[in-house]
């Protein structure tokens, strides 16, 4: 590889995680707004790492920010298919 990266390096393949502060910085909104979006399934839910730590997958946040309405519609459709 020209970049000198080891393709077997697990860090290179690991997903990028965002903290709540990161997501709030990207959205330029308040935490109450973010929690309401998550609660109503209009934003990706965080992954709970412990009772005090939750993170978002960067790819999920990027997809949501690129098309918030479309993301919510796709998420709702997936939930309905999963419940059927």
PDB file of N, CA and C in Angstrom:
ATOM      1  N   UNK A   1       0.844  -1.187   0.000  1.00  0.00           N
ATOM      2  CA  UNK A   1       0.000   0.000   0.000  1.00  0.00           C
ATOM      3  C   UNK A   1       0.881   1.238   0.000  1.00  0.00           C
ATOM      4  N   UNK A   2       0.493   2.221  -0.705  1.00  0.00           N
ATOM      5  CA  UNK A   2       1.319   3.410  -0.832  1.00  0.00           C
ATOM      6  C   UNK A   2       1.305   4.282   0.424  1.00  0.00           C
ATOM      7  N   UNK A   3       0.266   4.174   1.250  1.00  0.00           N
ATOM      8  CA  UNK A   3       0.194   5.018   2.446  1.00  0.00           C
ATOM      9  C   UNK A   3       0.987   4.447   3.602  1.00  0.00           C
ATOM     10  N   UNK A   4       1.435   3.199   3.486  1.00  0.00           N
ATOM     11  CA  UNK A   4       2.203   2.592   4.549  1.00  0.00           C
ATOM     12  C   UNK A   4       1.333   2.030   5.660  1.00  0.00           C
ATOM     13  N   UNK A   5       0.013   2.028   5.469  1.00  0.00           N
ATOM     14  CA  UNK A   5      -0.873   1.490   6.481  1.00  0.00           C
ATOM     15  C   UNK A   5      -0.937  -0.022   6.377  1.00  0.00           C
ATOM     16  N   UNK A   6      -1.012  -0.677   7.514  1.00  0.00           N
ATOM     17  CA  UNK A   6      -1.153  -2.118   7.578  1.00  0.00           C
ATOM     18  C   UNK A   6      -2.637  -2.463   7.448  1.00  0.00           C
ATOM     19  N   UNK A   7      -3.050  -3.163   6.384  1.00  0.00           N
ATOM     20  CA  UNK A   7      -4.473  -3.454   6.197  1.00  0.00           C
ATOM     21  C   UNK A   7      -5.039  -4.369   7.273  1.00  0.00           C
ATOM     22  N   UNK A   8      -4.178  -5.050   8.033  1.00  0.00           N
ATOM     23  CA  UNK A   8      -4.655  -5.921   9.102  1.00  0.00           C
ATOM     24  C   UNK A   8      -4.784  -5.181  10.421  1.00  0.00           C
ATOM     25  N   UNK A   9      -4.409  -3.914  10.454  1.00  0.00           N
ATOM     26  CA  UNK A   9      -4.512  -3.104  11.649  1.00  0.00           C
ATOM     27  C   UNK A   9      -5.988  -2.896  11.985  1.00  0.00           C
ATOM     28  N   UNK A  10      -6.422  -3.385  13.148  1.00  0.00           N
ATOM     29  CA  UNK A  10      -7.838  -3.287  13.510  1.00  0.00           C
ATOM     30  C   UNK A  10      -8.266  -1.848  13.726  1.00  0.00           C
ATOM     31  N   UNK A  11      -7.358  -0.949  14.121  1.00  0.00           N
ATOM     32  CA  UNK A  11      -7.713   0.448  14.312  1.00  0.00           C
ATOM     33  C   UNK A  11      -8.120   1.099  12.989  1.00  0.00           C
ATOM     34  N   UNK A  12      -7.506   0.672  11.888  1.00  0.00           N
ATOM     35  CA  UNK A  12      -7.832   1.243  10.583  1.00  0.00           C
ATOM     36  C   UNK A  12      -9.231   0.829  10.141  1.00  0.00           C
ATOM     37  N   UNK A  13      -9.722  -0.300  10.643  1.00  0.00           N
ATOM     38  CA  UNK A  13     -11.026  -0.810  10.262  1.00  0.00           C
ATOM     39  C   UNK A  13     -12.110  -0.461  11.278  1.00  0.00           C
ATOM     40  N   UNK A  14     -11.720   0.072  12.421  1.00  0.00           N
ATOM     41  CA  UNK A  14     -12.678   0.375  13.483  1.00  0.00           C
ATOM     42  C   UNK A  14     -13.570   1.548  13.083  1.00  0.00           C
ATOM     43  N   UNK A  15     -14.842   1.500  13.509  1.00  0.00           N
ATOM     44  CA  UNK A  15     -15.732   2.627  13.200  1.00  0.00           C
ATOM     45  C   UNK A  15     -15.328   3.857  14.005  1.00  0.00           C
ATOM     46  N   UNK A  16     -15.668   5.009  13.477  1.00  0.00           N
ATOM     47  CA  UNK A  16     -15.399   6.249  14.189  1.00  0.00           C
ATOM     48  C   UNK A  16     -16.610   6.577  15.043  1.00  0.00           C
ATOM     49  N   UNK A  17     -16.360   6.823  16.308  1.00  0.00           N
ATOM     50  CA  UNK A  17     -17.424   7.107  17.261  1.00  0.00           C
ATOM     51  C   UNK A  17     -17.454   8.591  17.591  1.00  0.00           C
ATOM     52  N   UNK A  18     -18.647   9.112  17.853  1.00  0.00           N
ATOM     53  CA  UNK A  18     -18.828  10.507  18.237  1.00  0.00           C
ATOM     54  C   UNK A  18     -19.481  10.577  19.611  1.00  0.00           C
ATOM     55  N   UNK A  19     -19.010  11.482  20.423  1.00  0.00           N
ATOM     56  CA  UNK A  19     -19.649  11.721  21.715  1.00  0.00           C
ATOM     57  C   UNK A  19     -20.857  12.635  21.511  1.00  0.00           C
ATOM     58  N   UNK A  20     -21.633  12.801  22.566  1.00  0.00           N
ATOM     59  CA  UNK A  20     -22.776  13.717  22.482  1.00  0.00           C
ATOM     60  C   UNK A  20     -22.290  15.116  22.150  1.00  0.00           C
ATOM     61  N   UNK A  21     -21.185  15.531  22.748  1.00  0.00           N
ATOM     62  CA  UNK A  21     -20.626  16.859  22.454  1.00  0.00           C
ATOM     63  C   UNK A  21     -20.283  17.000  20.979  1.00  0.00           C
ATOM     64  N   UNK A  22     -19.741  15.954  20.390  1.00  0.00           N
ATOM     65  CA  UNK A  22     -19.416  15.978  18.959  1.00  0.00           C
ATOM     66  C   UNK A  22     -20.672  16.151  18.118  1.00  0.00           C
ATOM     67  N   UNK A  23     -21.718  15.387  18.439  1.00  0.00           N
ATOM     68  CA  UNK A  23     -22.965  15.456  17.677  1.00  0.00           C
ATOM     69  C   UNK A  23     -23.595  16.839  17.842  1.00  0.00           C
ATOM     70  N   UNK A  24     -23.571  17.372  19.050  1.00  0.00           N
ATOM     71  CA  UNK A  24     -24.129  18.706  19.278  1.00  0.00           C
ATOM     72  C   UNK A  24     -23.350  19.773  18.516  1.00  0.00           C
ATOM     73  N   UNK A  25     -22.048  19.607  18.435  1.00  0.00           N
ATOM     74  CA  UNK A  25     -21.224  20.555  17.680  1.00  0.00           C
ATOM     75  C   UNK A  25     -21.571  20.491  16.196  1.00  0.00           C
ATOM     76  N   UNK A  26     -21.775  19.297  15.675  1.00  0.00           N
ATOM     77  CA  UNK A  26     -22.124  19.131  14.256  1.00  0.00           C
ATOM     78  C   UNK A  26     -23.509  19.687  13.937  1.00  0.00           C
ATOM     79  N   UNK A  27     -24.455  19.498  14.857  1.00  0.00           N
ATOM     80  CA  UNK A  27     -25.827  19.951  14.604  1.00  0.00           C
ATOM     81  C   UNK A  27     -26.050  21.399  15.008  1.00  0.00           C
ATOM     82  N   UNK A  28     -25.210  21.908  15.876  1.00  0.00           N
ATOM     83  CA  UNK A  28     -25.347  23.259  16.430  1.00  0.00           C
ATOM     84  C   UNK A  28     -26.691  23.419  17.132  1.00  0.00           C
ATOM     85  N   UNK A  29     -27.096  22.361  17.841  1.00  0.00           N
ATOM     86  CA  UNK A  29     -28.350  22.350  18.598  1.00  0.00           C
ATOM     87  C   UNK A  29     -28.045  22.048  20.059  1.00  0.00           C
ATOM     88  N   UNK A  30     -29.082  22.119  20.888  1.00  0.00           N
ATOM     89  CA  UNK A  30     -28.977  21.832  22.321  1.00  0.00           C
ATOM     90  C   UNK A  30     -29.236  20.346  22.568  1.00  0.00           C
ATOM     91  N   UNK A  31     -28.785  19.857  23.746  1.00  0.00           N
ATOM     92  CA  UNK A  31     -28.939  18.437  24.035  1.00  0.00           C
ATOM     93  C   UNK A  31     -30.401  18.022  24.168  1.00  0.00           C
ATOM     94  N   UNK A  32     -31.275  18.912  24.637  1.00  0.00           N
ATOM     95  CA  UNK A  32     -32.696  18.549  24.729  1.00  0.00           C
ATOM     96  C   UNK A  32     -33.276  18.287  23.343  1.00  0.00           C
ATOM     97  N   UNK A  33     -32.854  19.064  22.345  1.00  0.00           N
ATOM     98  CA  UNK A  33     -33.307  18.845  20.973  1.00  0.00           C
ATOM     99  C   UNK A  33     -32.825  17.485  20.469  1.00  0.00           C
ATOM    100  N   UNK A  34     -31.553  17.184  20.707  1.00  0.00           N
ATOM    101  CA  UNK A  34     -30.986  15.915  20.254  1.00  0.00           C
ATOM    102  C   UNK A  34     -31.722  14.742  20.893  1.00  0.00           C
ATOM    103  N   UNK A  35     -31.954  14.808  22.191  1.00  0.00           N
ATOM    104  CA  UNK A  35     -32.637  13.702  22.868  1.00  0.00           C
ATOM    105  C   UNK A  35     -34.077  13.536  22.378  1.00  0.00           C
ATOM    106  N   UNK A  36     -34.735  14.627  22.050  1.00  0.00           N
ATOM    107  CA  UNK A  36     -36.091  14.544  21.497  1.00  0.00           C
ATOM    108  C   UNK A  36     -36.051  13.888  20.114  1.00  0.00           C
ATOM    109  N   UNK A  37     -35.078  14.223  19.299  1.00  0.00           N
ATOM    110  CA  UNK A  37     -34.941  13.609  17.976  1.00  0.00           C
ATOM    111  C   UNK A  37     -34.707  12.106  18.103  1.00  0.00           C
ATOM    112  N   UNK A  38     -33.863  11.713  19.040  1.00  0.00           N
ATOM    113  CA  UNK A  38     -33.584  10.282  19.254  1.00  0.00           C
ATOM    114  C   UNK A  38     -34.841   9.591  19.792  1.00  0.00           C
ATOM    115  N   UNK A  39     -35.496  10.205  20.765  1.00  0.00           N
ATOM    116  CA  UNK A  39     -36.685   9.607  21.388  1.00  0.00           C
ATOM    117  C   UNK A  39     -37.786   9.357  20.365  1.00  0.00           C
ATOM    118  N   UNK A  40     -37.954  10.278  19.429  1.00  0.00           N
ATOM    119  CA  UNK A  40     -39.001  10.150  18.410  1.00  0.00           C
ATOM    120  C   UNK A  40     -38.506   9.436  17.145  1.00  0.00           C
ATOM    121  N   UNK A  41     -37.312   8.885  17.235  1.00  0.00           N
ATOM    122  CA  UNK A  41     -36.704   8.108  16.135  1.00  0.00           C
ATOM    123  C   UNK A  41     -36.485   8.925  14.867  1.00  0.00           C
ATOM    124  N   UNK A  42     -36.235  10.216  15.039  1.00  0.00           N
ATOM    125  CA  UNK A  42     -35.897  11.082  13.904  1.00  0.00           C
ATOM    126  C   UNK A  42     -34.396  11.303  13.821  1.00  0.00           C
ATOM    127  N   UNK A  43     -33.639  10.642  14.694  1.00  0.00           N
ATOM    128  CA  UNK A  43     -32.174  10.709  14.697  1.00  0.00           C
ATOM    129  C   UNK A  43     -31.658   9.356  15.172  1.00  0.00           C
ATOM    130  N   UNK A  44     -30.440   9.008  14.786  1.00  0.00           N
ATOM    131  CA  UNK A  44     -29.895   7.720  15.220  1.00  0.00           C
ATOM    132  C   UNK A  44     -29.734   7.678  16.734  1.00  0.00           C
ATOM    133  N   UNK A  45     -30.004   6.528  17.293  1.00  0.00           N
ATOM    134  CA  UNK A  45     -29.835   6.330  18.728  1.00  0.00           C
ATOM    135  C   UNK A  45     -28.356   6.075  19.031  1.00  0.00           C
ATOM    136  N   UNK A  46     -27.914   6.518  20.186  1.00  0.00           N
ATOM    137  CA  UNK A  46     -26.540   6.236  20.559  1.00  0.00           C
ATOM    138  C   UNK A  46     -26.373   4.780  20.970  1.00  0.00           C
ATOM    139  N   UNK A  47     -25.134   4.338  20.956  1.00  0.00           N
ATOM    140  CA  UNK A  47     -24.770   3.008  21.445  1.00  0.00           C
ATOM    141  C   UNK A  47     -24.320   3.190  22.882  1.00  0.00           C
ATOM    142  N   UNK A  48     -24.958   2.490  23.794  1.00  0.00           N
ATOM    143  CA  UNK A  48     -24.607   2.599  25.216  1.00  0.00           C
ATOM    144  C   UNK A  48     -23.388   1.723  25.499  1.00  0.00           C
ATOM    145  N   UNK A  49     -22.312   2.346  25.963  1.00  0.00           N
ATOM    146  CA  UNK A  49     -21.119   1.603  26.346  1.00  0.00           C
ATOM    147  C   UNK A  49     -21.135   1.276  27.830  1.00  0.00           C
ATOM    148  N   UNK A  50     -21.817   2.116  28.598  1.00  0.00           N
ATOM    149  CA  UNK A  50     -22.027   1.893  30.025  1.00  0.00           C
ATOM    150  C   UNK A  50     -23.206   2.758  30.439  1.00  0.00           C
ATOM    151  N   UNK A  51     -23.559   2.731  31.709  1.00  0.00           N
ATOM    152  CA  UNK A  51     -24.698   3.548  32.136  1.00  0.00           C
ATOM    153  C   UNK A  51     -24.399   5.038  32.081  1.00  0.00           C
ATOM    154  N   UNK A  52     -23.125   5.404  31.960  1.00  0.00           N
ATOM    155  CA  UNK A  52     -22.748   6.817  31.879  1.00  0.00           C
ATOM    156  C   UNK A  52     -22.136   7.216  30.546  1.00  0.00           C
ATOM    157  N   UNK A  53     -22.006   6.280  29.639  1.00  0.00           N
ATOM    158  CA  UNK A  53     -21.309   6.573  28.383  1.00  0.00           C
ATOM    159  C   UNK A  53     -22.104   6.068  27.181  1.00  0.00           C
ATOM    160  N   UNK A  54     -22.398   6.993  26.271  1.00  0.00           N
ATOM    161  CA  UNK A  54     -23.085   6.642  25.024  1.00  0.00           C
ATOM    162  C   UNK A  54     -22.371   7.358  23.881  1.00  0.00           C
ATOM    163  N   UNK A  55     -22.261   6.678  22.755  1.00  0.00           N
ATOM    164  CA  UNK A  55     -21.601   7.244  21.579  1.00  0.00           C
ATOM    165  C   UNK A  55     -22.443   6.949  20.347  1.00  0.00           C
ATOM    166  N   UNK A  56     -22.222   7.740  19.306  1.00  0.00           N
ATOM    167  CA  UNK A  56     -22.909   7.560  18.031  1.00  0.00           C
ATOM    168  C   UNK A  56     -21.886   7.099  17.008  1.00  0.00           C
ATOM    169  N   UNK A  57     -22.321   6.258  16.089  1.00  0.00           N
ATOM    170  CA  UNK A  57     -21.479   5.843  14.979  1.00  0.00           C
ATOM    171  C   UNK A  57     -21.426   6.996  13.982  1.00  0.00           C
ATOM    172  N   UNK A  58     -20.240   7.399  13.597  1.00  0.00           N
ATOM    173  CA  UNK A  58     -20.051   8.559  12.719  1.00  0.00           C
ATOM    174  C   UNK A  58     -20.829   8.402  11.404  1.00  0.00           C
ATOM    175  N   UNK A  59     -20.809   7.207  10.839  1.00  0.00           N
ATOM    176  CA  UNK A  59     -21.510   6.975   9.568  1.00  0.00           C
ATOM    177  C   UNK A  59     -23.014   7.208   9.721  1.00  0.00           C
ATOM    178  N   UNK A  60     -23.593   6.801  10.861  1.00  0.00           N
ATOM    179  CA  UNK A  60     -25.018   7.018  11.104  1.00  0.00           C
ATOM    180  C   UNK A  60     -25.333   8.503  11.206  1.00  0.00           C
ATOM    181  N   UNK A  61     -24.499   9.232  11.922  1.00  0.00           N
ATOM    182  CA  UNK A  61     -24.720  10.677  12.089  1.00  0.00           C
ATOM    183  C   UNK A  61     -24.556  11.389  10.757  1.00  0.00           C
ATOM    184  N   UNK A  62     -23.545  11.021   9.989  1.00  0.00           N
ATOM    185  CA  UNK A  62     -23.334  11.644   8.681  1.00  0.00           C
ATOM    186  C   UNK A  62     -24.527  11.412   7.757  1.00  0.00           C
ATOM    187  N   UNK A  63     -25.049  10.177   7.735  1.00  0.00           N
ATOM    188  CA  UNK A  63     -26.205   9.864   6.885  1.00  0.00           C
ATOM    189  C   UNK A  63     -27.429  10.649   7.338  1.00  0.00           C
ATOM    190  N   UNK A  64     -27.626  10.763   8.639  1.00  0.00           N
ATOM    191  CA  UNK A  64     -28.753  11.514   9.179  1.00  0.00           C
ATOM    192  C   UNK A  64     -28.651  13.005   8.836  1.00  0.00           C
ATOM    193  N   UNK A  65     -27.471  13.582   9.004  1.00  0.00           N
ATOM    194  CA  UNK A  65     -27.295  15.007   8.724  1.00  0.00           C
ATOM    195  C   UNK A  65     -27.405  15.313   7.235  1.00  0.00           C
ATOM    196  N   UNK A  66     -27.001  14.383   6.399  1.00  0.00           N
ATOM    197  CA  UNK A  66     -27.082  14.594   4.952  1.00  0.00           C
ATOM    198  C   UNK A  66     -28.532  14.612   4.462  1.00  0.00           C
ATOM    199  N   UNK A  67     -29.401  13.839   5.133  1.00  0.00           N
ATOM    200  CA  UNK A  67     -30.806  13.753   4.707  1.00  0.00           C
ATOM    201  C   UNK A  67     -31.668  13.383   5.905  1.00  0.00           C
ATOM    202  N   UNK A  68     -31.952  14.343   6.785  1.00  0.00           N
ATOM    203  CA  UNK A  68     -32.699  14.028   8.013  1.00  0.00           C
ATOM    204  C   UNK A  68     -34.078  13.421   7.765  1.00  0.00           C
ATOM    205  N   UNK A  69     -34.839  13.955   6.821  1.00  0.00           N
ATOM    206  CA  UNK A  69     -36.183  13.433   6.560  1.00  0.00           C
ATOM    207  C   UNK A  69     -36.088  12.031   5.953  1.00  0.00           C
ATOM    208  N   UNK A  70     -35.225  11.877   4.984  1.00  0.00           N
ATOM    209  CA  UNK A  70     -35.039  10.572   4.359  1.00  0.00           C
ATOM    210  C   UNK A  70     -34.528   9.543   5.347  1.00  0.00           C
ATOM    211  N   UNK A  71     -33.625   9.955   6.237  1.00  0.00           N
ATOM    212  CA  UNK A  71     -33.104   9.035   7.251  1.00  0.00           C
ATOM    213  C   UNK A  71     -34.240   8.545   8.141  1.00  0.00           C
ATOM    214  N   UNK A  72     -35.088   9.466   8.609  1.00  0.00           N
ATOM    215  CA  UNK A  72     -36.205   9.095   9.484  1.00  0.00           C
ATOM    216  C   UNK A  72     -37.172   8.155   8.764  1.00  0.00           C
ATOM    217  N   UNK A  73     -37.455   8.428   7.489  1.00  0.00           N
ATOM    218  CA  UNK A  73     -38.360   7.568   6.718  1.00  0.00           C
ATOM    219  C   UNK A  73     -37.771   6.169   6.545  1.00  0.00           C
ATOM    220  N   UNK A  74     -36.476   6.091   6.217  1.00  0.00           N
ATOM    221  CA  UNK A  74     -35.829   4.784   6.063  1.00  0.00           C
ATOM    222  C   UNK A  74     -35.810   4.035   7.383  1.00  0.00           C
ATOM    223  N   UNK A  75     -35.543   4.747   8.474  1.00  0.00           N
ATOM    224  CA  UNK A  75     -35.499   4.132   9.797  1.00  0.00           C
ATOM    225  C   UNK A  75     -36.875   3.592  10.170  1.00  0.00           C
ATOM    226  N   UNK A  76     -37.929   4.354   9.885  1.00  0.00           N
ATOM    227  CA  UNK A  76     -39.297   3.922  10.179  1.00  0.00           C
ATOM    228  C   UNK A  76     -39.654   2.687   9.361  1.00  0.00           C
ATOM    229  N   UNK A  77     -39.278   2.679   8.088  1.00  0.00           N
ATOM    230  CA  UNK A  77     -39.562   1.522   7.221  1.00  0.00           C
ATOM    231  C   UNK A  77     -38.852   0.278   7.733  1.00  0.00           C
ATOM    232  N   UNK A  78     -37.609   0.420   8.170  1.00  0.00           N
ATOM    233  CA  UNK A  78     -36.868  -0.721   8.721  1.00  0.00           C
ATOM    234  C   UNK A  78     -37.545  -1.246   9.972  1.00  0.00           C
ATOM    235  N   UNK A  79     -37.988  -0.344  10.845  1.00  0.00           N
ATOM    236  CA  UNK A  79     -38.640  -0.733  12.096  1.00  0.00           C
ATOM    237  C   UNK A  79     -39.937  -1.486  11.805  1.00  0.00           C
ATOM    238  N   UNK A  80     -40.695  -1.024  10.815  1.00  0.00           N
ATOM    239  CA  UNK A  80     -41.945  -1.679  10.463  1.00  0.00           C
ATOM    240  C   UNK A  80     -41.693  -3.063   9.881  1.00  0.00           C
ATOM    241  N   UNK A  81     -40.666  -3.206   9.050  1.00  0.00           N
ATOM    242  CA  UNK A  81     -40.336  -4.528   8.491  1.00  0.00           C
ATOM    243  C   UNK A  81     -39.873  -5.468   9.588  1.00  0.00           C
ATOM    244  N   UNK A  82     -39.128  -4.951  10.546  1.00  0.00           N
ATOM    245  CA  UNK A  82     -38.638  -5.779  11.642  1.00  0.00           C
ATOM    246  C   UNK A  82     -39.738  -6.241  12.573  1.00  0.00           C
ATOM    247  N   UNK A  83     -40.792  -5.435  12.707  1.00  0.00           N
ATOM    248  CA  UNK A  83     -41.903  -5.776  13.598  1.00  0.00           C
ATOM    249  C   UNK A  83     -42.885  -6.753  12.944  1.00  0.00           C
ATOM    250  N   UNK A  84     -42.866  -6.811  11.627  1.00  0.00           N
ATOM    251  CA  UNK A  84     -43.830  -7.663  10.913  1.00  0.00           C
ATOM    252  C   UNK A  84     -43.447  -9.129  10.955  1.00  0.00           C
TER     253      UNK A  84
END
